[in-house]
Each structure stands twice: as structure tokens, then as C-alpha cells.
């Protein structure tokens, strides 16, 4: 089962309804399939895109809303509010091609925002309302959960590599050296001495860079990511309350002070999390970078 990000992700809500009969009867598994198909009938999918996930947001029986699982319950009418996650067909095909070249067979696909969230959010987080933010190298995955279900899944085309590129552009350094320097800087805690410099030699050239300047370069990019893109994804979810706040994971979440920075920018409680099943994962494979892999197992 493959988790992937990248490409445009579209979330569409639709409603479906089926009659169970003239007299009340128990909801059977095939009724769930029928009502999902009824909701999907109202979803218009462009020719170059396809539905990857269909996620029940809420069921209702005979007009009684707020039902999580209607299976086995008795009613005459079953309604559903469905969320369809739509991605470009070409993106999926490229993933399949990649895995095929690695000599593996694909049993299933899951969008990375969902797998990352399943890797770090506890059932209590999902029920109360939380945002999982997985910051990787090239993209950032955002998942908004509430009432135990994903309300919105998004992929932002900004990640840690963009910070590295910013540092490299300013210092005129190759990416490998820029990455090394980036990790030496305490991104969200400004140096006590603004005049303190980072001195090093690279390719026989002496460099002396203000830590404060580096701090500002990195901070500006992270502020754009959180204040513009992550905020927009949270707003699109339409969830009024998020008591569990933001849960960061992914390699970039190791950056010192990212939780305090998010609290300052988004005014939401924030924490950094390793996979929920980290104690069952092999040493060296149980850190933030592997949250999405752990989430795939929960997804399966």
C-alpha cells in the first residue's frame, strides 16, 4: 500500500439518500454501498482526475443526524454526507509507474495527508478536533479531523527543500551545504546576540553570515507556510473548534521551536509528535519521518 503526496487535491462534499422500505428494517452492508453510490452520483469528476477516497462524514436515519455507523440500526431511510477526495489521474499513474520500476505490486493507494494523520493522531485528537501537519522535503500535508473523521485533506507544494533553496540562494551555496547550515540554526529562537555570525570555509572561500539574517530567511518561509497555506486549509475545512490543536510531524518538524512558533502565528496549541506506534517500530525507523508509514498500517 502506497502513500503519496504531490499534485492538486480536491475535497468535494455531496449528499445521498436511499429508501430502506415501506416498513423499518435493519441497515445491511449493501445499503451502505448503495447510499455511497447515490452520493457519488452528484459528484462531477473531470476527465483527467479520479476519486481516490470516499469518506463518510455523517449518516442520518429517518432524519436523525449525527450517526457514525448505521450498520444494524433500524430505519426506513438512510442519508449520508460524503467527502470525495479527488486527485489527478496522471499523479496516480506516475506513482504506479514508480512502484512498478521498483519491482513491487501496488495493493492500494492512500493520500499522504490521511496516512500521516492516522500515524500521529490519537482517537481522542480525532474526536475533539485536530490538525495534522506533516512537513516533508517537497510538500506539506494537512489533515483536519473532527468528530472522529477527516473533514479536509490538503497538500501544499512547500516543504523543507524550499527553506534550503532560500538559504542557498542568499549564500550562493549548493544545496547539500545549505541543508547543513539550515540545521545548525535555531529557527524560531532569535540569537541573543544579533551580531553573532556563522563562520565557515567552503570550496576555499571564507563565509561569515549573520545568524540573525539566516534566522529571518528561514522564519519568513515558515511563516508563509503556516500563516498563508496551512491557515487556508484549516479555513477550508470549516471546523469551528480545534481543541487538540496542531500536531506536527515529518522531518522538518524536528526544527527547534516549531510548536511555539505555530502557537504564535496560528493561535492554536501545537506539539510535535512521533508515530503513535513508535515503540513497536524498529530503532531508527520510529521518528517523525516515518509517521506516514505508521499511518499506512493503521489505514490497512
C-alpha atoms as a PDB file:
ATOM      1  CA  UNK A   1       0.000   0.000   0.000  1.00  0.00           C
ATOM      2  CA  UNK A   2       1.475   3.291  -1.157  1.00  0.00           C
ATOM      3  CA  UNK A   3       1.123   6.707   0.461  1.00  0.00           C
ATOM      4  CA  UNK A   4       1.851   9.688  -1.770  1.00  0.00           C
ATOM      5  CA  UNK A   5       1.606  13.458  -1.844  1.00  0.00           C
ATOM      6  CA  UNK A   6       2.047  15.909  -4.659  1.00  0.00           C
ATOM      7  CA  UNK A   7      -0.497  17.017  -7.216  1.00  0.00           C
ATOM      8  CA  UNK A   8      -3.651  19.000  -6.661  1.00  0.00           C
ATOM      9  CA  UNK A   9      -6.058  17.562  -4.099  1.00  0.00           C
ATOM     10  CA  UNK A  10      -9.746  18.486  -4.241  1.00  0.00           C
ATOM     11  CA  UNK A  11     -12.290  17.811  -1.477  1.00  0.00           C
ATOM     12  CA  UNK A  12     -15.950  17.687  -2.551  1.00  0.00           C
ATOM     13  CA  UNK A  13     -18.919  17.195  -0.197  1.00  0.00           C
ATOM     14  CA  UNK A  14     -22.065  15.535  -1.512  1.00  0.00           C
ATOM     15  CA  UNK A  15     -25.268  14.020  -0.115  1.00  0.00           C
ATOM     16  CA  UNK A  16     -27.065  10.788  -0.886  1.00  0.00           C
ATOM     17  CA  UNK A  17     -30.296   9.134   0.225  1.00  0.00           C
ATOM     18  CA  UNK A  18     -31.873   5.702  -0.205  1.00  0.00           C
ATOM     19  CA  UNK A  19     -35.169   4.208   0.967  1.00  0.00           C
ATOM     20  CA  UNK A  20     -34.899   1.056   3.036  1.00  0.00           C
ATOM     21  CA  UNK A  21     -38.513   0.052   2.520  1.00  0.00           C
ATOM     22  CA  UNK A  22     -42.066   0.909   3.473  1.00  0.00           C
ATOM     23  CA  UNK A  23     -41.530  -0.580   6.892  1.00  0.00           C
ATOM     24  CA  UNK A  24     -38.496  -0.112   9.142  1.00  0.00           C
ATOM     25  CA  UNK A  25     -35.691  -2.669   8.767  1.00  0.00           C
ATOM     26  CA  UNK A  26     -32.043  -3.054   9.740  1.00  0.00           C
ATOM     27  CA  UNK A  27     -29.346  -1.376   7.651  1.00  0.00           C
ATOM     28  CA  UNK A  28     -27.279  -4.008   5.806  1.00  0.00           C
ATOM     29  CA  UNK A  29     -23.778  -3.689   4.313  1.00  0.00           C
ATOM     30  CA  UNK A  30     -25.167  -3.421   0.780  1.00  0.00           C
ATOM     31  CA  UNK A  31     -27.264  -0.424   1.917  1.00  0.00           C
ATOM     32  CA  UNK A  32     -24.070   1.395   2.880  1.00  0.00           C
ATOM     33  CA  UNK A  33     -22.687   0.738  -0.604  1.00  0.00           C
ATOM     34  CA  UNK A  34     -25.915   1.956  -2.223  1.00  0.00           C
ATOM     35  CA  UNK A  35     -26.077   5.224  -0.296  1.00  0.00           C
ATOM     36  CA  UNK A  36     -22.409   5.966  -1.034  1.00  0.00           C
ATOM     37  CA  UNK A  37     -23.070   5.363  -4.733  1.00  0.00           C
ATOM     38  CA  UNK A  38     -26.082   7.686  -4.532  1.00  0.00           C
ATOM     39  CA  UNK A  39     -23.894  10.450  -3.049  1.00  0.00           C
ATOM     40  CA  UNK A  40     -21.179   9.873  -5.636  1.00  0.00           C
ATOM     41  CA  UNK A  41     -23.705  10.293  -8.444  1.00  0.00           C
ATOM     42  CA  UNK A  42     -23.825  14.009  -7.633  1.00  0.00           C
ATOM     43  CA  UNK A  43     -20.041  14.425  -7.873  1.00  0.00           C
ATOM     44  CA  UNK A  44     -18.734  15.742 -11.183  1.00  0.00           C
ATOM     45  CA  UNK A  45     -15.192  14.491 -11.803  1.00  0.00           C
ATOM     46  CA  UNK A  46     -13.108  15.999 -14.644  1.00  0.00           C
ATOM     47  CA  UNK A  47     -11.848  13.558 -17.279  1.00  0.00           C
ATOM     48  CA  UNK A  48      -8.218  13.926 -16.148  1.00  0.00           C
ATOM     49  CA  UNK A  49      -8.977  13.300 -12.450  1.00  0.00           C
ATOM     50  CA  UNK A  50     -10.364  10.464 -10.346  1.00  0.00           C
ATOM     51  CA  UNK A  51     -11.815   9.803  -6.894  1.00  0.00           C
ATOM     52  CA  UNK A  52      -9.173   8.272  -4.631  1.00  0.00           C
ATOM     53  CA  UNK A  53     -11.089   8.196  -1.324  1.00  0.00           C
ATOM     54  CA  UNK A  54     -14.747   8.365  -0.364  1.00  0.00           C
ATOM     55  CA  UNK A  55     -15.053   9.243   3.318  1.00  0.00           C
ATOM     56  CA  UNK A  56     -18.427   9.185   5.116  1.00  0.00           C
ATOM     57  CA  UNK A  57     -18.683  12.416   7.093  1.00  0.00           C
ATOM     58  CA  UNK A  58     -22.045  11.722   8.698  1.00  0.00           C
ATOM     59  CA  UNK A  59     -25.023   9.391   8.403  1.00  0.00           C
ATOM     60  CA  UNK A  60     -28.626  10.028   9.349  1.00  0.00           C
ATOM     61  CA  UNK A  61     -31.544   7.644   9.808  1.00  0.00           C
ATOM     62  CA  UNK A  62     -35.093   8.917   9.240  1.00  0.00           C
ATOM     63  CA  UNK A  63     -33.764  12.464   9.657  1.00  0.00           C
ATOM     64  CA  UNK A  64     -31.862  11.769  12.881  1.00  0.00           C
ATOM     65  CA  UNK A  65     -28.377  13.143  12.252  1.00  0.00           C
ATOM     66  CA  UNK A  66     -25.032  12.538  13.932  1.00  0.00           C
ATOM     67  CA  UNK A  67     -24.816   8.775  13.388  1.00  0.00           C
ATOM     68  CA  UNK A  68     -21.302   7.395  12.924  1.00  0.00           C
ATOM     69  CA  UNK A  69     -22.135   3.816  11.935  1.00  0.00           C
ATOM     70  CA  UNK A  70     -25.711   2.947  10.939  1.00  0.00           C
ATOM     71  CA  UNK A  71     -24.988  -0.730  10.249  1.00  0.00           C
ATOM     72  CA  UNK A  72     -27.542  -2.893  12.056  1.00  0.00           C
ATOM     73  CA  UNK A  73     -29.711   0.050  13.100  1.00  0.00           C
ATOM     74  CA  UNK A  74     -33.369   0.176  12.097  1.00  0.00           C
ATOM     75  CA  UNK A  75     -34.981   2.833   9.908  1.00  0.00           C
ATOM     76  CA  UNK A  76     -36.926   3.480   6.703  1.00  0.00           C
ATOM     77  CA  UNK A  77     -34.500   5.977   5.136  1.00  0.00           C
ATOM     78  CA  UNK A  78     -30.716   6.270   5.142  1.00  0.00           C
ATOM     79  CA  UNK A  79     -28.906   9.527   4.326  1.00  0.00           C
ATOM     80  CA  UNK A  80     -25.189  10.214   4.042  1.00  0.00           C
ATOM     81  CA  UNK A  81     -22.928  13.218   3.782  1.00  0.00           C
ATOM     82  CA  UNK A  82     -19.892  12.052   1.807  1.00  0.00           C
ATOM     83  CA  UNK A  83     -16.493  13.588   1.220  1.00  0.00           C
ATOM     84  CA  UNK A  84     -14.775  12.627  -2.033  1.00  0.00           C
ATOM     85  CA  UNK A  85     -11.029  13.175  -2.317  1.00  0.00           C
ATOM     86  CA  UNK A  86     -10.127  13.780  -5.958  1.00  0.00           C
ATOM     87  CA  UNK A  87      -6.591  13.742  -7.401  1.00  0.00           C
ATOM     88  CA  UNK A  88      -5.146  13.977 -10.944  1.00  0.00           C
ATOM     89  CA  UNK A  89      -5.113  10.623 -12.735  1.00  0.00           C
ATOM     90  CA  UNK A  90      -1.606  11.357 -14.041  1.00  0.00           C
ATOM     91  CA  UNK A  91      -0.285  11.697 -10.479  1.00  0.00           C
ATOM     92  CA  UNK A  92      -1.616   8.253  -9.570  1.00  0.00           C
ATOM     93  CA  UNK A  93      -0.233   6.737 -12.760  1.00  0.00           C
ATOM     94  CA  UNK A  94       3.210   8.171 -12.048  1.00  0.00           C
ATOM     95  CA  UNK A  95       3.124   6.618  -8.567  1.00  0.00           C
ATOM     96  CA  UNK A  96       2.148   3.257 -10.058  1.00  0.00           C
ATOM     97  CA  UNK A  97       4.933   3.502 -12.639  1.00  0.00           C
ATOM     98  CA  UNK A  98       7.444   4.288  -9.900  1.00  0.00           C
ATOM     99  CA  UNK A  99       6.468   1.295  -7.781  1.00  0.00           C
ATOM    100  CA  UNK A 100       6.424  -0.972 -10.836  1.00  0.00           C
ATOM    101  CA  UNK A 101      10.021   0.004 -11.655  1.00  0.00           C
ATOM    102  CA  UNK A 102      10.954  -0.917  -8.074  1.00  0.00           C
ATOM    103  CA  UNK A 103       9.675  -4.422  -8.764  1.00  0.00           C
ATOM    104  CA  UNK A 104       6.696  -4.222  -6.411  1.00  0.00           C
ATOM    105  CA  UNK A 105       2.948  -4.632  -6.870  1.00  0.00           C
ATOM    106  CA  UNK A 106       0.519  -1.980  -5.633  1.00  0.00           C
ATOM    107  CA  UNK A 107      -2.283  -3.327  -3.452  1.00  0.00           C
ATOM    108  CA  UNK A 108      -3.744   0.081  -2.568  1.00  0.00           C
ATOM    109  CA  UNK A 109      -3.227   3.834  -2.532  1.00  0.00           C
ATOM    110  CA  UNK A 110      -3.721   6.349   0.259  1.00  0.00           C
ATOM    111  CA  UNK A 111      -3.213  10.105   0.073  1.00  0.00           C
ATOM    112  CA  UNK A 112      -0.395  11.206   2.357  1.00  0.00           C
ATOM    113  CA  UNK A 113      -2.370  13.717   4.463  1.00  0.00           C
ATOM    114  CA  UNK A 114      -4.599  10.835   5.579  1.00  0.00           C
ATOM    115  CA  UNK A 115      -1.791   8.363   6.302  1.00  0.00           C
ATOM    116  CA  UNK A 116       0.254  10.980   8.185  1.00  0.00           C
ATOM    117  CA  UNK A 117      -2.752  11.923  10.329  1.00  0.00           C
ATOM    118  CA  UNK A 118      -3.513   8.291  11.131  1.00  0.00           C
ATOM    119  CA  UNK A 119       0.130   7.898  12.145  1.00  0.00           C
ATOM    120  CA  UNK A 120       0.103  10.620  14.814  1.00  0.00           C
ATOM    121  CA  UNK A 121      -3.470  11.483  15.851  1.00  0.00           C
ATOM    122  CA  UNK A 122      -4.980   9.560  18.743  1.00  0.00           C
ATOM    123  CA  UNK A 123      -8.704   8.714  18.703  1.00  0.00           C
ATOM    124  CA  UNK A 124      -9.150  11.473  21.312  1.00  0.00           C
ATOM    125  CA  UNK A 125      -7.463  14.004  18.992  1.00  0.00           C
ATOM    126  CA  UNK A 126      -9.643  12.948  16.069  1.00  0.00           C
ATOM    127  CA  UNK A 127     -12.812  13.205  18.141  1.00  0.00           C
ATOM    128  CA  UNK A 128     -12.042  16.571  19.748  1.00  0.00           C
ATOM    129  CA  UNK A 129     -10.748  18.255  16.586  1.00  0.00           C
ATOM    130  CA  UNK A 130      -7.127  18.451  15.465  1.00  0.00           C
ATOM    131  CA  UNK A 131      -4.895  19.387  12.550  1.00  0.00           C
ATOM    132  CA  UNK A 132      -2.079  17.063  11.498  1.00  0.00           C
ATOM    133  CA  UNK A 133       0.698  18.857   9.596  1.00  0.00           C
ATOM    134  CA  UNK A 134       3.375  16.662   8.022  1.00  0.00           C
ATOM    135  CA  UNK A 135       6.207  18.848   6.703  1.00  0.00           C
ATOM    136  CA  UNK A 136       8.373  16.871   4.319  1.00  0.00           C
ATOM    137  CA  UNK A 137      11.054  17.851   1.838  1.00  0.00           C
ATOM    138  CA  UNK A 138       8.964  18.913  -1.149  1.00  0.00           C
ATOM    139  CA  UNK A 139       5.419  19.142   0.203  1.00  0.00           C
ATOM    140  CA  UNK A 140       3.412  19.679   3.375  1.00  0.00           C
ATOM    141  CA  UNK A 141       0.366  17.532   4.107  1.00  0.00           C
ATOM    142  CA  UNK A 142      -2.538  18.986   6.096  1.00  0.00           C
ATOM    143  CA  UNK A 143      -5.381  16.953   7.589  1.00  0.00           C
ATOM    144  CA  UNK A 144      -8.228  18.413   9.622  1.00  0.00           C
ATOM    145  CA  UNK A 145     -10.123  15.958  11.829  1.00  0.00           C
ATOM    146  CA  UNK A 146     -13.255  16.493  13.884  1.00  0.00           C
ATOM    147  CA  UNK A 147     -15.884  14.165  15.365  1.00  0.00           C
ATOM    148  CA  UNK A 148     -13.541  11.253  14.670  1.00  0.00           C
ATOM    149  CA  UNK A 149     -13.466  11.763  10.892  1.00  0.00           C
ATOM    150  CA  UNK A 150     -11.277  13.628   8.363  1.00  0.00           C
ATOM    151  CA  UNK A 151     -13.037  16.834   7.346  1.00  0.00           C
ATOM    152  CA  UNK A 152     -10.400  18.092   4.926  1.00  0.00           C
ATOM    153  CA  UNK A 153      -7.220  16.760   3.301  1.00  0.00           C
ATOM    154  CA  UNK A 154      -4.757  19.007   1.505  1.00  0.00           C
ATOM    155  CA  UNK A 155      -1.264  19.002   0.032  1.00  0.00           C
ATOM    156  CA  UNK A 156       0.791  22.215  -0.005  1.00  0.00           C
ATOM    157  CA  UNK A 157       3.665  22.438  -2.541  1.00  0.00           C
ATOM    158  CA  UNK A 158       6.049  23.889   0.061  1.00  0.00           C
ATOM    159  CA  UNK A 159       8.427  21.933   2.290  1.00  0.00           C
ATOM    160  CA  UNK A 160      11.863  21.836   3.853  1.00  0.00           C
ATOM    161  CA  UNK A 161      13.614  21.871   0.467  1.00  0.00           C
ATOM    162  CA  UNK A 162      12.251  25.361  -0.154  1.00  0.00           C
ATOM    163  CA  UNK A 163      13.924  26.607   3.023  1.00  0.00           C
ATOM    164  CA  UNK A 164      17.169  25.013   1.866  1.00  0.00           C
ATOM    165  CA  UNK A 165      16.794  26.724  -1.524  1.00  0.00           C
ATOM    166  CA  UNK A 166      16.264  30.086   0.173  1.00  0.00           C
ATOM    167  CA  UNK A 167      19.447  29.697   2.208  1.00  0.00           C
ATOM    168  CA  UNK A 168      21.383  28.543  -0.850  1.00  0.00           C
ATOM    169  CA  UNK A 169      20.167  31.463  -2.947  1.00  0.00           C
ATOM    170  CA  UNK A 170      21.201  34.052  -0.374  1.00  0.00           C
ATOM    171  CA  UNK A 171      24.604  32.487   0.388  1.00  0.00           C
ATOM    172  CA  UNK A 172      25.218  31.206  -3.165  1.00  0.00           C
ATOM    173  CA  UNK A 173      25.901  27.702  -1.877  1.00  0.00           C
ATOM    174  CA  UNK A 174      24.997  24.240  -3.220  1.00  0.00           C
ATOM    175  CA  UNK A 175      22.008  22.548  -1.637  1.00  0.00           C
ATOM    176  CA  UNK A 176      23.946  19.992   0.426  1.00  0.00           C
ATOM    177  CA  UNK A 177      25.884  22.725   2.251  1.00  0.00           C
ATOM    178  CA  UNK A 178      22.753  24.876   2.594  1.00  0.00           C
ATOM    179  CA  UNK A 179      20.955  21.938   4.220  1.00  0.00           C
ATOM    180  CA  UNK A 180      23.813  21.514   6.685  1.00  0.00           C
ATOM    181  CA  UNK A 181      23.775  25.193   7.633  1.00  0.00           C
ATOM    182  CA  UNK A 182      19.977  25.237   7.935  1.00  0.00           C
ATOM    183  CA  UNK A 183      20.102  22.504  10.558  1.00  0.00           C
ATOM    184  CA  UNK A 184      22.625  24.486  12.635  1.00  0.00           C
ATOM    185  CA  UNK A 185      20.284  27.429  13.050  1.00  0.00           C
ATOM    186  CA  UNK A 186      17.716  27.630  15.819  1.00  0.00           C
ATOM    187  CA  UNK A 187      14.960  28.743  13.523  1.00  0.00           C
ATOM    188  CA  UNK A 188      12.378  30.200  15.856  1.00  0.00           C
ATOM    189  CA  UNK A 189      14.521  31.420  18.730  1.00  0.00           C
ATOM    190  CA  UNK A 190      16.393  34.520  17.669  1.00  0.00           C
ATOM    191  CA  UNK A 191      20.048  34.623  18.781  1.00  0.00           C
ATOM    192  CA  UNK A 192      20.629  36.534  21.983  1.00  0.00           C
ATOM    193  CA  UNK A 193      23.332  38.451  20.184  1.00  0.00           C
ATOM    194  CA  UNK A 194      22.005  39.695  16.846  1.00  0.00           C
ATOM    195  CA  UNK A 195      25.560  40.327  15.661  1.00  0.00           C
ATOM    196  CA  UNK A 196      26.678  36.719  16.188  1.00  0.00           C
ATOM    197  CA  UNK A 197      27.975  35.194  12.965  1.00  0.00           C
ATOM    198  CA  UNK A 198      28.312  31.742  11.490  1.00  0.00           C
ATOM    199  CA  UNK A 199      31.817  31.375  10.052  1.00  0.00           C
ATOM    200  CA  UNK A 200      32.884  28.540   7.777  1.00  0.00           C
ATOM    201  CA  UNK A 201      35.021  27.704   4.751  1.00  0.00           C
ATOM    202  CA  UNK A 202      33.569  26.066   1.662  1.00  0.00           C
ATOM    203  CA  UNK A 203      35.429  25.429  -1.613  1.00  0.00           C
ATOM    204  CA  UNK A 204      38.362  27.512  -0.407  1.00  0.00           C
ATOM    205  CA  UNK A 205      36.111  30.506   0.208  1.00  0.00           C
ATOM    206  CA  UNK A 206      35.553  32.111   3.599  1.00  0.00           C
ATOM    207  CA  UNK A 207      31.968  32.768   4.646  1.00  0.00           C
ATOM    208  CA  UNK A 208      30.720  34.906   7.508  1.00  0.00           C
ATOM    209  CA  UNK A 209      26.958  35.064   7.793  1.00  0.00           C
ATOM    210  CA  UNK A 210      24.847  36.749  10.430  1.00  0.00           C
ATOM    211  CA  UNK A 211      22.824  34.205  12.368  1.00  0.00           C
ATOM    212  CA  UNK A 212      20.102  36.811  12.635  1.00  0.00           C
ATOM    213  CA  UNK A 213      19.928  37.065   8.817  1.00  0.00           C
ATOM    214  CA  UNK A 214      19.698  33.290   8.476  1.00  0.00           C
ATOM    215  CA  UNK A 215      17.065  33.239  11.181  1.00  0.00           C
ATOM    216  CA  UNK A 216      14.986  35.765   9.232  1.00  0.00           C
ATOM    217  CA  UNK A 217      15.338  33.866   5.931  1.00  0.00           C
ATOM    218  CA  UNK A 218      14.071  30.635   7.458  1.00  0.00           C
ATOM    219  CA  UNK A 219      11.434  32.299   9.612  1.00  0.00           C
ATOM    220  CA  UNK A 220       9.905  34.134   6.629  1.00  0.00           C
ATOM    221  CA  UNK A 221       9.467  30.921   4.656  1.00  0.00           C
ATOM    222  CA  UNK A 222       7.951  29.082   7.639  1.00  0.00           C
ATOM    223  CA  UNK A 223       5.640  31.994   8.371  1.00  0.00           C
ATOM    224  CA  UNK A 224       4.419  31.879   4.763  1.00  0.00           C
ATOM    225  CA  UNK A 225       3.801  28.135   5.053  1.00  0.00           C
ATOM    226  CA  UNK A 226       1.815  28.379   8.286  1.00  0.00           C
ATOM    227  CA  UNK A 227       0.112  31.760   8.069  1.00  0.00           C
ATOM    228  CA  UNK A 228      -0.865  31.538   4.389  1.00  0.00           C
ATOM    229  CA  UNK A 229      -1.150  27.917   3.323  1.00  0.00           C
ATOM    230  CA  UNK A 230      -1.902  25.955   6.494  1.00  0.00           C
ATOM    231  CA  UNK A 231      -4.341  28.629   7.678  1.00  0.00           C
ATOM    232  CA  UNK A 232      -6.158  28.460   4.316  1.00  0.00           C
ATOM    233  CA  UNK A 233      -6.501  24.678   4.615  1.00  0.00           C
ATOM    234  CA  UNK A 234      -7.890  24.961   8.147  1.00  0.00           C
ATOM    235  CA  UNK A 235     -10.389  27.569   6.983  1.00  0.00           C
ATOM    236  CA  UNK A 236     -11.471  25.383   4.047  1.00  0.00           C
ATOM    237  CA  UNK A 237     -12.275  22.545   6.471  1.00  0.00           C
ATOM    238  CA  UNK A 238     -14.976  24.659   8.101  1.00  0.00           C
ATOM    239  CA  UNK A 239     -14.351  23.220  11.576  1.00  0.00           C
ATOM    240  CA  UNK A 240     -15.084  25.943  14.152  1.00  0.00           C
ATOM    241  CA  UNK A 241     -13.233  24.408  17.124  1.00  0.00           C
ATOM    242  CA  UNK A 242      -9.913  22.541  17.229  1.00  0.00           C
ATOM    243  CA  UNK A 243      -9.261  21.872  20.935  1.00  0.00           C
ATOM    244  CA  UNK A 244      -6.473  19.362  20.238  1.00  0.00           C
ATOM    245  CA  UNK A 245      -4.651  21.968  18.151  1.00  0.00           C
ATOM    246  CA  UNK A 246      -1.912  21.253  15.629  1.00  0.00           C
ATOM    247  CA  UNK A 247       0.182  18.089  15.633  1.00  0.00           C
ATOM    248  CA  UNK A 248       3.407  18.450  13.641  1.00  0.00           C
ATOM    249  CA  UNK A 249       5.295  15.539  12.159  1.00  0.00           C
ATOM    250  CA  UNK A 250       7.641  14.879   9.250  1.00  0.00           C
ATOM    251  CA  UNK A 251      11.357  15.605   9.063  1.00  0.00           C
ATOM    252  CA  UNK A 252      11.057  19.398   9.251  1.00  0.00           C
ATOM    253  CA  UNK A 253       9.043  19.128  12.480  1.00  0.00           C
ATOM    254  CA  UNK A 254      12.343  18.368  14.248  1.00  0.00           C
ATOM    255  CA  UNK A 255      13.194  22.062  13.904  1.00  0.00           C
ATOM    256  CA  UNK A 256      13.605  23.538  17.368  1.00  0.00           C
ATOM    257  CA  UNK A 257      10.696  25.722  18.478  1.00  0.00           C
ATOM    258  CA  UNK A 258       8.233  24.949  15.676  1.00  0.00           C
ATOM    259  CA  UNK A 259       5.430  24.339  18.191  1.00  0.00           C
ATOM    260  CA  UNK A 260       5.908  27.718  19.894  1.00  0.00           C
ATOM    261  CA  UNK A 261       6.117  29.414  16.504  1.00  0.00           C
ATOM    262  CA  UNK A 262       2.829  27.844  15.368  1.00  0.00           C
ATOM    263  CA  UNK A 263       1.121  28.952  18.580  1.00  0.00           C
ATOM    264  CA  UNK A 264       2.285  32.494  17.881  1.00  0.00           C
ATOM    265  CA  UNK A 265       1.274  32.508  14.205  1.00  0.00           C
ATOM    266  CA  UNK A 266      -1.974  30.500  14.233  1.00  0.00           C
ATOM    267  CA  UNK A 267      -3.073  30.980  17.864  1.00  0.00           C
ATOM    268  CA  UNK A 268      -3.611  27.231  18.266  1.00  0.00           C
ATOM    269  CA  UNK A 269      -1.932  24.850  20.726  1.00  0.00           C
ATOM    270  CA  UNK A 270       0.761  22.861  18.947  1.00  0.00           C
ATOM    271  CA  UNK A 271       3.038  19.910  19.596  1.00  0.00           C
ATOM    272  CA  UNK A 272       5.474  17.713  17.694  1.00  0.00           C
ATOM    273  CA  UNK A 273       4.707  14.001  17.557  1.00  0.00           C
ATOM    274  CA  UNK A 274       6.462  10.790  16.585  1.00  0.00           C
ATOM    275  CA  UNK A 275       4.267   7.909  15.349  1.00  0.00           C
ATOM    276  CA  UNK A 276       1.727   6.587  17.844  1.00  0.00           C
ATOM    277  CA  UNK A 277       3.254   3.129  17.384  1.00  0.00           C
ATOM    278  CA  UNK A 278       6.863   4.308  17.705  1.00  0.00           C
ATOM    279  CA  UNK A 279       7.571   1.806  20.487  1.00  0.00           C
ATOM    280  CA  UNK A 280       6.671  -1.055  18.134  1.00  0.00           C
ATOM    281  CA  UNK A 281       8.779   0.244  15.227  1.00  0.00           C
ATOM    282  CA  UNK A 282      12.485  -0.595  14.658  1.00  0.00           C
ATOM    283  CA  UNK A 283      15.065   1.791  16.193  1.00  0.00           C
ATOM    284  CA  UNK A 284      15.963   4.448  13.644  1.00  0.00           C
ATOM    285  CA  UNK A 285      12.662   3.906  11.863  1.00  0.00           C
ATOM    286  CA  UNK A 286      10.376   5.318  14.539  1.00  0.00           C
ATOM    287  CA  UNK A 287      10.901   9.076  14.233  1.00  0.00           C
ATOM    288  CA  UNK A 288       8.781  11.806  12.652  1.00  0.00           C
ATOM    289  CA  UNK A 289       9.908  10.910   9.119  1.00  0.00           C
ATOM    290  CA  UNK A 290       8.109   7.561   9.442  1.00  0.00           C
ATOM    291  CA  UNK A 291       4.736   8.797  10.705  1.00  0.00           C
ATOM    292  CA  UNK A 292       3.134   8.317   7.313  1.00  0.00           C
ATOM    293  CA  UNK A 293       4.457   4.743   7.085  1.00  0.00           C
ATOM    294  CA  UNK A 294       2.977   4.002  10.509  1.00  0.00           C
ATOM    295  CA  UNK A 295      -0.288   5.556   9.334  1.00  0.00           C
ATOM    296  CA  UNK A 296      -0.432   3.208   6.339  1.00  0.00           C
ATOM    297  CA  UNK A 297      -0.514   0.260   8.740  1.00  0.00           C
ATOM    298  CA  UNK A 298      -3.408   1.801  10.688  1.00  0.00           C
ATOM    299  CA  UNK A 299      -5.156   2.587   7.388  1.00  0.00           C
ATOM    300  CA  UNK A 300      -4.899  -1.032   6.258  1.00  0.00           C
END
